[in-house]
Amino acid sequence: MECQFIFYGLSYIIYMEIGERLKDLRKSKNLLQKDLASLLTVRNTTVSAWEKGDNEPDIKTIKQLAVFFNVTSDYLIGLENDDGTKNF
């Protein structure tokens, strides 16, 4: 997984691809993309785009995903490792 730092003046935003983590979590629950899409009321092409890194879920959806998969939003976006340690 690749982490990119985008600088805006003195601050920066950490941009992390969440697609790989989302795909692993989905598969761990034996869900198809269309199943997850139905739960989130989005199209399966939307879930596919997230997993391929072509697009990212909005903050509301990240919260829903975190609750559903019982992980933190920091884990989903790559700021936290599996063991809860910070990744920055």
PDB file of N, CA and C in Angstrom:
ATOM      1  N   MET A   1       0.839  -1.162   0.000  1.00  0.00           N
ATOM      2  CA  MET A   1       0.000   0.000   0.000  1.00  0.00           C
ATOM      3  C   MET A   1       0.895   1.239   0.000  1.00  0.00           C
ATOM      4  N   GLU A   2       0.544   2.195  -0.763  1.00  0.00           N
ATOM      5  CA  GLU A   2       1.365   3.392  -0.931  1.00  0.00           C
ATOM      6  C   GLU A   2       0.728   4.579  -0.226  1.00  0.00           C
ATOM      7  N   CYS A   3       1.531   5.326   0.486  1.00  0.00           N
ATOM      8  CA  CYS A   3       1.069   6.522   1.174  1.00  0.00           C
ATOM      9  C   CYS A   3       1.662   7.734   0.480  1.00  0.00           C
ATOM     10  N   GLN A   4       0.831   8.679   0.123  1.00  0.00           N
ATOM     11  CA  GLN A   4       1.299   9.887  -0.538  1.00  0.00           C
ATOM     12  C   GLN A   4       1.036  11.065   0.381  1.00  0.00           C
ATOM     13  N   PHE A   5       1.985  11.970   0.472  1.00  0.00           N
ATOM     14  CA  PHE A   5       1.812  13.172   1.255  1.00  0.00           C
ATOM     15  C   PHE A   5       1.547  14.334   0.305  1.00  0.00           C
ATOM     16  N   ILE A   6       0.455  15.024   0.505  1.00  0.00           N
ATOM     17  CA  ILE A   6       0.099  16.166  -0.311  1.00  0.00           C
ATOM     18  C   ILE A   6       0.256  17.406   0.570  1.00  0.00           C
ATOM     19  N   PHE A   7       1.109  18.318   0.172  1.00  0.00           N
ATOM     20  CA  PHE A   7       1.401  19.485   0.986  1.00  0.00           C
ATOM     21  C   PHE A   7       0.546  20.681   0.573  1.00  0.00           C
ATOM     22  N   TYR A   8      -0.006  21.366   1.554  1.00  0.00           N
ATOM     23  CA  TYR A   8      -0.758  22.599   1.359  1.00  0.00           C
ATOM     24  C   TYR A   8      -0.192  23.626   2.336  1.00  0.00           C
ATOM     25  N   GLY A   9       0.732  24.441   1.885  1.00  0.00           N
ATOM     26  CA  GLY A   9       1.384  25.401   2.777  1.00  0.00           C
ATOM     27  C   GLY A   9       2.183  24.660   3.829  1.00  0.00           C
ATOM     28  N   LEU A  10       1.901  24.927   5.094  1.00  0.00           N
ATOM     29  CA  LEU A  10       2.623  24.277   6.179  1.00  0.00           C
ATOM     30  C   LEU A  10       1.957  22.987   6.638  1.00  0.00           C
ATOM     31  N   SER A  11       0.738  22.746   6.185  1.00  0.00           N
ATOM     32  CA  SER A  11       0.053  21.521   6.593  1.00  0.00           C
ATOM     33  C   SER A  11       0.055  20.522   5.440  1.00  0.00           C
ATOM     34  N   TYR A  12      -0.245  19.300   5.783  1.00  0.00           N
ATOM     35  CA  TYR A  12      -0.323  18.271   4.755  1.00  0.00           C
ATOM     36  C   TYR A  12      -1.465  17.312   5.054  1.00  0.00           C
ATOM     37  N   ILE A  13      -1.894  16.653   4.034  1.00  0.00           N
ATOM     38  CA  ILE A  13      -2.933  15.638   4.153  1.00  0.00           C
ATOM     39  C   ILE A  13      -2.318  14.310   3.762  1.00  0.00           C
ATOM     40  N   ILE A  14      -2.521  13.314   4.589  1.00  0.00           N
ATOM     41  CA  ILE A  14      -2.036  11.983   4.253  1.00  0.00           C
ATOM     42  C   ILE A  14      -3.104  11.304   3.406  1.00  0.00           C
ATOM     43  N   TYR A  15      -2.694  10.889   2.236  1.00  0.00           N
ATOM     44  CA  TYR A  15      -3.607  10.246   1.300  1.00  0.00           C
ATOM     45  C   TYR A  15      -3.207   8.781   1.198  1.00  0.00           C
ATOM     46  N   MET A  16      -4.062   7.905   1.612  1.00  0.00           N
ATOM     47  CA  MET A  16      -3.752   6.480   1.617  1.00  0.00           C
ATOM     48  C   MET A  16      -4.833   5.733   0.843  1.00  0.00           C
ATOM     49  N   GLU A  17      -4.403   4.891  -0.025  1.00  0.00           N
ATOM     50  CA  GLU A  17      -5.362   4.058  -0.736  1.00  0.00           C
ATOM     51  C   GLU A  17      -6.021   3.100   0.246  1.00  0.00           C
ATOM     52  N   ILE A  18      -7.348   3.108   0.317  1.00  0.00           N
ATOM     53  CA  ILE A  18      -8.038   2.215   1.235  1.00  0.00           C
ATOM     54  C   ILE A  18      -8.596   0.982   0.537  1.00  0.00           C
ATOM     55  N   GLY A  19      -8.458   0.948  -0.773  1.00  0.00           N
ATOM     56  CA  GLY A  19      -9.064  -0.131  -1.542  1.00  0.00           C
ATOM     57  C   GLY A  19      -8.632  -1.518  -1.122  1.00  0.00           C
ATOM     58  N   GLU A  20      -7.348  -1.693  -0.867  1.00  0.00           N
ATOM     59  CA  GLU A  20      -6.847  -3.017  -0.491  1.00  0.00           C
ATOM     60  C   GLU A  20      -7.419  -3.463   0.855  1.00  0.00           C
ATOM     61  N   ARG A  21      -7.465  -2.557   1.806  1.00  0.00           N
ATOM     62  CA  ARG A  21      -8.027  -2.907   3.122  1.00  0.00           C
ATOM     63  C   ARG A  21      -9.518  -3.202   3.014  1.00  0.00           C
ATOM     64  N   LEU A  22     -10.223  -2.399   2.255  1.00  0.00           N
ATOM     65  CA  LEU A  22     -11.652  -2.612   2.081  1.00  0.00           C
ATOM     66  C   LEU A  22     -11.922  -3.971   1.437  1.00  0.00           C
ATOM     67  N   LYS A  23     -11.153  -4.297   0.421  1.00  0.00           N
ATOM     68  CA  LYS A  23     -11.320  -5.586  -0.258  1.00  0.00           C
ATOM     69  C   LYS A  23     -11.051  -6.741   0.699  1.00  0.00           C
ATOM     70  N   ASP A  24      -9.976  -6.652   1.494  1.00  0.00           N
ATOM     71  CA  ASP A  24      -9.660  -7.707   2.464  1.00  0.00           C
ATOM     72  C   ASP A  24     -10.770  -7.865   3.498  1.00  0.00           C
ATOM     73  N   LEU A  25     -11.278  -6.746   3.989  1.00  0.00           N
ATOM     74  CA  LEU A  25     -12.360  -6.803   4.974  1.00  0.00           C
ATOM     75  C   LEU A  25     -13.627  -7.405   4.378  1.00  0.00           C
ATOM     76  N   ARG A  26     -13.940  -7.000   3.162  1.00  0.00           N
ATOM     77  CA  ARG A  26     -15.141  -7.530   2.492  1.00  0.00           C
ATOM     78  C   ARG A  26     -15.028  -9.040   2.316  1.00  0.00           C
ATOM     79  N   LYS A  27     -13.873  -9.478   1.854  1.00  0.00           N
ATOM     80  CA  LYS A  27     -13.668 -10.912   1.637  1.00  0.00           C
ATOM     81  C   LYS A  27     -13.671 -11.689   2.954  1.00  0.00           C
ATOM     82  N   SER A  28     -13.205 -11.070   4.026  1.00  0.00           N
ATOM     83  CA  SER A  28     -13.189 -11.755   5.326  1.00  0.00           C
ATOM     84  C   SER A  28     -14.597 -12.054   5.817  1.00  0.00           C
ATOM     85  N   LYS A  29     -15.572 -11.295   5.341  1.00  0.00           N
ATOM     86  CA  LYS A  29     -16.981 -11.524   5.684  1.00  0.00           C
ATOM     87  C   LYS A  29     -17.704 -12.313   4.596  1.00  0.00           C
ATOM     88  N   ASN A  30     -16.927 -12.810   3.621  1.00  0.00           N
ATOM     89  CA  ASN A  30     -17.494 -13.591   2.506  1.00  0.00           C
ATOM     90  C   ASN A  30     -18.589 -12.829   1.766  1.00  0.00           C
ATOM     91  N   LEU A  31     -18.338 -11.554   1.549  1.00  0.00           N
ATOM     92  CA  LEU A  31     -19.290 -10.719   0.815  1.00  0.00           C
ATOM     93  C   LEU A  31     -18.778 -10.454  -0.597  1.00  0.00           C
ATOM     94  N   LEU A  32     -19.702 -10.407  -1.522  1.00  0.00           N
ATOM     95  CA  LEU A  32     -19.381  -9.954  -2.873  1.00  0.00           C
ATOM     96  C   LEU A  32     -19.483  -8.434  -2.891  1.00  0.00           C
ATOM     97  N   GLN A  33     -18.907  -7.830  -3.910  1.00  0.00           N
ATOM     98  CA  GLN A  33     -19.019  -6.377  -4.041  1.00  0.00           C
ATOM     99  C   GLN A  33     -20.470  -5.944  -4.074  1.00  0.00           C
ATOM    100  N   LYS A  34     -21.304  -6.712  -4.764  1.00  0.00           N
ATOM    101  CA  LYS A  34     -22.719  -6.340  -4.859  1.00  0.00           C
ATOM    102  C   LYS A  34     -23.414  -6.437  -3.504  1.00  0.00           C
ATOM    103  N   ASP A  35     -22.961  -7.354  -2.629  1.00  0.00           N
ATOM    104  CA  ASP A  35     -23.544  -7.466  -1.289  1.00  0.00           C
ATOM    105  C   ASP A  35     -23.222  -6.226  -0.458  1.00  0.00           C
ATOM    106  N   LEU A  36     -21.941  -5.831  -0.487  1.00  0.00           N
ATOM    107  CA  LEU A  36     -21.542  -4.640   0.261  1.00  0.00           C
ATOM    108  C   LEU A  36     -22.234  -3.396  -0.298  1.00  0.00           C
ATOM    109  N   ALA A  37     -22.315  -3.329  -1.606  1.00  0.00           N
ATOM    110  CA  ALA A  37     -22.995  -2.196  -2.245  1.00  0.00           C
ATOM    111  C   ALA A  37     -24.449  -2.103  -1.791  1.00  0.00           C
ATOM    112  N   SER A  38     -25.115  -3.221  -1.711  1.00  0.00           N
ATOM    113  CA  SER A  38     -26.511  -3.238  -1.281  1.00  0.00           C
ATOM    114  C   SER A  38     -26.648  -2.768   0.163  1.00  0.00           C
ATOM    115  N   LEU A  39     -25.736  -3.193   1.022  1.00  0.00           N
ATOM    116  CA  LEU A  39     -25.771  -2.766   2.424  1.00  0.00           C
ATOM    117  C   LEU A  39     -25.572  -1.255   2.570  1.00  0.00           C
ATOM    118  N   LEU A  40     -24.753  -0.690   1.686  1.00  0.00           N
ATOM    119  CA  LEU A  40     -24.433   0.737   1.754  1.00  0.00           C
ATOM    120  C   LEU A  40     -25.329   1.584   0.856  1.00  0.00           C
ATOM    121  N   THR A  41     -26.209   0.937   0.133  1.00  0.00           N
ATOM    122  CA  THR A  41     -27.080   1.571  -0.860  1.00  0.00           C
ATOM    123  C   THR A  41     -26.285   2.392  -1.884  1.00  0.00           C
ATOM    124  N   VAL A  42     -25.252   1.740  -2.427  1.00  0.00           N
ATOM    125  CA  VAL A  42     -24.484   2.290  -3.538  1.00  0.00           C
ATOM    126  C   VAL A  42     -24.446   1.234  -4.633  1.00  0.00           C
ATOM    127  N   ARG A  43     -23.943   1.601  -5.780  1.00  0.00           N
ATOM    128  CA  ARG A  43     -23.822   0.637  -6.878  1.00  0.00           C
ATOM    129  C   ARG A  43     -22.598  -0.239  -6.673  1.00  0.00           C
ATOM    130  N   ASN A  44     -22.660  -1.462  -7.199  1.00  0.00           N
ATOM    131  CA  ASN A  44     -21.494  -2.342  -7.069  1.00  0.00           C
ATOM    132  C   ASN A  44     -20.293  -1.789  -7.833  1.00  0.00           C
ATOM    133  N   THR A  45     -20.534  -0.987  -8.859  1.00  0.00           N
ATOM    134  CA  THR A  45     -19.420  -0.351  -9.564  1.00  0.00           C
ATOM    135  C   THR A  45     -18.718   0.679  -8.670  1.00  0.00           C
ATOM    136  N   THR A  46     -19.452   1.235  -7.724  1.00  0.00           N
ATOM    137  CA  THR A  46     -18.858   2.177  -6.769  1.00  0.00           C
ATOM    138  C   THR A  46     -17.897   1.442  -5.851  1.00  0.00           C
ATOM    139  N   VAL A  47     -18.320   0.305  -5.322  1.00  0.00           N
ATOM    140  CA  VAL A  47     -17.445  -0.504  -4.467  1.00  0.00           C
ATOM    141  C   VAL A  47     -16.219  -0.957  -5.259  1.00  0.00           C
ATOM    142  N   SER A  48     -16.428  -1.357  -6.484  1.00  0.00           N
ATOM    143  CA  SER A  48     -15.321  -1.762  -7.351  1.00  0.00           C
ATOM    144  C   SER A  48     -14.322  -0.625  -7.536  1.00  0.00           C
ATOM    145  N   ALA A  49     -14.827   0.582  -7.764  1.00  0.00           N
ATOM    146  CA  ALA A  49     -13.957   1.746  -7.948  1.00  0.00           C
ATOM    147  C   ALA A  49     -13.155   2.037  -6.679  1.00  0.00           C
ATOM    148  N   TRP A  50     -13.773   1.884  -5.501  1.00  0.00           N
ATOM    149  CA  TRP A  50     -13.047   2.077  -4.243  1.00  0.00           C
ATOM    150  C   TRP A  50     -11.915   1.068  -4.125  1.00  0.00           C
ATOM    151  N   GLU A  51     -12.230  -0.185  -4.410  1.00  0.00           N
ATOM    152  CA  GLU A  51     -11.235  -1.252  -4.253  1.00  0.00           C
ATOM    153  C   GLU A  51     -10.089  -1.130  -5.254  1.00  0.00           C
ATOM    154  N   LYS A  52     -10.374  -0.607  -6.425  1.00  0.00           N
ATOM    155  CA  LYS A  52      -9.318  -0.422  -7.434  1.00  0.00           C
ATOM    156  C   LYS A  52      -8.536   0.867  -7.207  1.00  0.00           C
ATOM    157  N   GLY A  53      -9.007   1.717  -6.318  1.00  0.00           N
ATOM    158  CA  GLY A  53      -8.341   2.979  -6.064  1.00  0.00           C
ATOM    159  C   GLY A  53      -8.694   4.063  -7.057  1.00  0.00           C
ATOM    160  N   ASP A  54      -9.747   3.838  -7.839  1.00  0.00           N
ATOM    161  CA  ASP A  54     -10.189   4.832  -8.808  1.00  0.00           C
ATOM    162  C   ASP A  54     -10.988   5.953  -8.145  1.00  0.00           C
ATOM    163  N   ASN A  55     -11.539   5.660  -6.977  1.00  0.00           N
ATOM    164  CA  ASN A  55     -12.353   6.616  -6.235  1.00  0.00           C
ATOM    165  C   ASN A  55     -12.263   6.243  -4.768  1.00  0.00           C
ATOM    166  N   GLU A  56     -12.763   7.112  -3.898  1.00  0.00           N
ATOM    167  CA  GLU A  56     -12.740   6.834  -2.462  1.00  0.00           C
ATOM    168  C   GLU A  56     -14.097   7.141  -1.862  1.00  0.00           C
ATOM    169  N   PRO A  57     -14.461   6.395  -0.817  1.00  0.00           N
ATOM    170  CA  PRO A  57     -15.739   6.691  -0.153  1.00  0.00           C
ATOM    171  C   PRO A  57     -15.666   8.021   0.592  1.00  0.00           C
ATOM    172  N   ASP A  58     -16.825   8.666   0.732  1.00  0.00           N
ATOM    173  CA  ASP A  58     -16.871   9.910   1.501  1.00  0.00           C
ATOM    174  C   ASP A  58     -16.790   9.583   2.996  1.00  0.00           C
ATOM    175  N   ILE A  59     -16.683  10.609   3.819  1.00  0.00           N
ATOM    176  CA  ILE A  59     -16.474  10.413   5.257  1.00  0.00           C
ATOM    177  C   ILE A  59     -17.647   9.684   5.904  1.00  0.00           C
ATOM    178  N   LYS A  60     -18.859   9.968   5.466  1.00  0.00           N
ATOM    179  CA  LYS A  60     -20.039   9.284   6.009  1.00  0.00           C
ATOM    180  C   LYS A  60     -19.950   7.779   5.732  1.00  0.00           C
ATOM    181  N   THR A  61     -19.541   7.425   4.534  1.00  0.00           N
ATOM    182  CA  THR A  61     -19.429   6.024   4.161  1.00  0.00           C
ATOM    183  C   THR A  61     -18.264   5.359   4.887  1.00  0.00           C
ATOM    184  N   ILE A  62     -17.174   6.093   5.085  1.00  0.00           N
ATOM    185  CA  ILE A  62     -16.048   5.542   5.849  1.00  0.00           C
ATOM    186  C   ILE A  62     -16.506   5.201   7.268  1.00  0.00           C
ATOM    187  N   LYS A  63     -17.321   6.053   7.862  1.00  0.00           N
ATOM    188  CA  LYS A  63     -17.865   5.767   9.200  1.00  0.00           C
ATOM    189  C   LYS A  63     -18.721   4.501   9.173  1.00  0.00           C
ATOM    190  N   GLN A  64     -19.584   4.385   8.157  1.00  0.00           N
ATOM    191  CA  GLN A  64     -20.436   3.199   8.035  1.00  0.00           C
ATOM    192  C   GLN A  64     -19.595   1.936   7.874  1.00  0.00           C
ATOM    193  N   LEU A  65     -18.562   2.023   7.044  1.00  0.00           N
ATOM    194  CA  LEU A  65     -17.678   0.872   6.820  1.00  0.00           C
ATOM    195  C   LEU A  65     -16.954   0.483   8.103  1.00  0.00           C
ATOM    196  N   ALA A  66     -16.483   1.474   8.851  1.00  0.00           N
ATOM    197  CA  ALA A  66     -15.776   1.201  10.103  1.00  0.00           C
ATOM    198  C   ALA A  66     -16.679   0.472  11.098  1.00  0.00           C
ATOM    199  N   VAL A  67     -17.908   0.939  11.216  1.00  0.00           N
ATOM    200  CA  VAL A  67     -18.852   0.291  12.127  1.00  0.00           C
ATOM    201  C   VAL A  67     -19.175  -1.123  11.641  1.00  0.00           C
ATOM    202  N   PHE A  68     -19.476  -1.263  10.376  1.00  0.00           N
ATOM    203  CA  PHE A  68     -19.850  -2.565   9.831  1.00  0.00           C
ATOM    204  C   PHE A  68     -18.727  -3.589   9.995  1.00  0.00           C
ATOM    205  N   PHE A  69     -17.491  -3.190   9.701  1.00  0.00           N
ATOM    206  CA  PHE A  69     -16.363  -4.126   9.767  1.00  0.00           C
ATOM    207  C   PHE A  69     -15.691  -4.149  11.147  1.00  0.00           C
ATOM    208  N   ASN A  70     -16.208  -3.339  12.078  1.00  0.00           N
ATOM    209  CA  ASN A  70     -15.678  -3.288  13.438  1.00  0.00           C
ATOM    210  C   ASN A  70     -14.187  -2.936  13.461  1.00  0.00           C
ATOM    211  N   VAL A  71     -13.849  -1.907  12.700  1.00  0.00           N
ATOM    212  CA  VAL A  71     -12.485  -1.375  12.662  1.00  0.00           C
ATOM    213  C   VAL A  71     -12.581   0.136  12.844  1.00  0.00           C
ATOM    214  N   THR A  72     -11.448   0.782  13.036  1.00  0.00           N
ATOM    215  CA  THR A  72     -11.465   2.239  13.151  1.00  0.00           C
ATOM    216  C   THR A  72     -11.392   2.867  11.765  1.00  0.00           C
ATOM    217  N   SER A  73     -11.852   4.088  11.684  1.00  0.00           N
ATOM    218  CA  SER A  73     -11.705   4.804  10.415  1.00  0.00           C
ATOM    219  C   SER A  73     -10.224   5.031  10.114  1.00  0.00           C
ATOM    220  N   ASP A  74      -9.409   5.211  11.159  1.00  0.00           N
ATOM    221  CA  ASP A  74      -7.962   5.338  10.949  1.00  0.00           C
ATOM    222  C   ASP A  74      -7.387   4.093  10.293  1.00  0.00           C
ATOM    223  N   TYR A  75      -7.877   2.930  10.693  1.00  0.00           N
ATOM    224  CA  TYR A  75      -7.406   1.691  10.055  1.00  0.00           C
ATOM    225  C   TYR A  75      -7.793   1.680   8.576  1.00  0.00           C
ATOM    226  N   LEU A  76      -9.027   2.028   8.288  1.00  0.00           N
ATOM    227  CA  LEU A  76      -9.493   2.011   6.898  1.00  0.00           C
ATOM    228  C   LEU A  76      -8.662   2.904   5.993  1.00  0.00           C
ATOM    229  N   ILE A  77      -8.295   4.079   6.486  1.00  0.00           N
ATOM    230  CA  ILE A  77      -7.564   5.008   5.621  1.00  0.00           C
ATOM    231  C   ILE A  77      -6.050   4.849   5.726  1.00  0.00           C
ATOM    232  N   GLY A  78      -5.612   3.860   6.501  1.00  0.00           N
ATOM    233  CA  GLY A  78      -4.191   3.537   6.534  1.00  0.00           C
ATOM    234  C   GLY A  78      -3.368   4.263   7.580  1.00  0.00           C
ATOM    235  N   LEU A  79      -4.016   4.943   8.510  1.00  0.00           N
ATOM    236  CA  LEU A  79      -3.283   5.639   9.566  1.00  0.00           C
ATOM    237  C   LEU A  79      -3.009   4.743  10.773  1.00  0.00           C
ATOM    238  N   GLU A  80      -3.600   3.563  10.751  1.00  0.00           N
ATOM    239  CA  GLU A  80      -3.455   2.642  11.870  1.00  0.00           C
ATOM    240  C   GLU A  80      -3.210   1.240  11.322  1.00  0.00           C
ATOM    241  N   ASN A  81      -2.382   0.479  12.011  1.00  0.00           N
ATOM    242  CA  ASN A  81      -2.085  -0.895  11.626  1.00  0.00           C
ATOM    243  C   ASN A  81      -3.096  -1.862  12.245  1.00  0.00           C
ATOM    244  N   ASP A  82      -3.015  -3.126  11.857  1.00  0.00           N
ATOM    245  CA  ASP A  82      -3.910  -4.144  12.390  1.00  0.00           C
ATOM    246  C   ASP A  82      -3.902  -4.199  13.924  1.00  0.00           C
ATOM    247  N   ASP A  83      -2.737  -3.975  14.518  1.00  0.00           N
ATOM    248  CA  ASP A  83      -2.604  -4.081  15.971  1.00  0.00           C
ATOM    249  C   ASP A  83      -2.958  -2.786  16.705  1.00  0.00           C
ATOM    250  N   GLY A  84      -3.422  -1.786  15.986  1.00  0.00           N
ATOM    251  CA  GLY A  84      -3.831  -0.535  16.609  1.00  0.00           C
ATOM    252  C   GLY A  84      -2.737   0.517  16.712  1.00  0.00           C
ATOM    253  N   THR A  85      -1.496   0.152  16.347  1.00  0.00           N
ATOM    254  CA  THR A  85      -0.430   1.140  16.399  1.00  0.00           C
ATOM    255  C   THR A  85      -0.596   2.121  15.244  1.00  0.00           C
ATOM    256  N   LYS A  86      -0.199   3.355  15.498  1.00  0.00           N
ATOM    257  CA  LYS A  86      -0.322   4.384  14.461  1.00  0.00           C
ATOM    258  C   LYS A  86       0.708   4.153  13.356  1.00  0.00           C
ATOM    259  N   ASN A  87       0.336   4.522  12.170  1.00  0.00           N
ATOM    260  CA  ASN A  87       1.146   4.266  10.969  1.00  0.00           C
ATOM    261  C   ASN A  87       1.697   5.571  10.398  1.00  0.00           C
ATOM    262  N   PHE A  88       2.068   6.486  11.284  1.00  0.00           N
ATOM    263  CA  PHE A  88       2.633   7.757  10.824  1.00  0.00           C
ATOM    264  C   PHE A  88       3.648   8.248  11.819  1.00  0.00           C
TER     265      PHE A  88
END
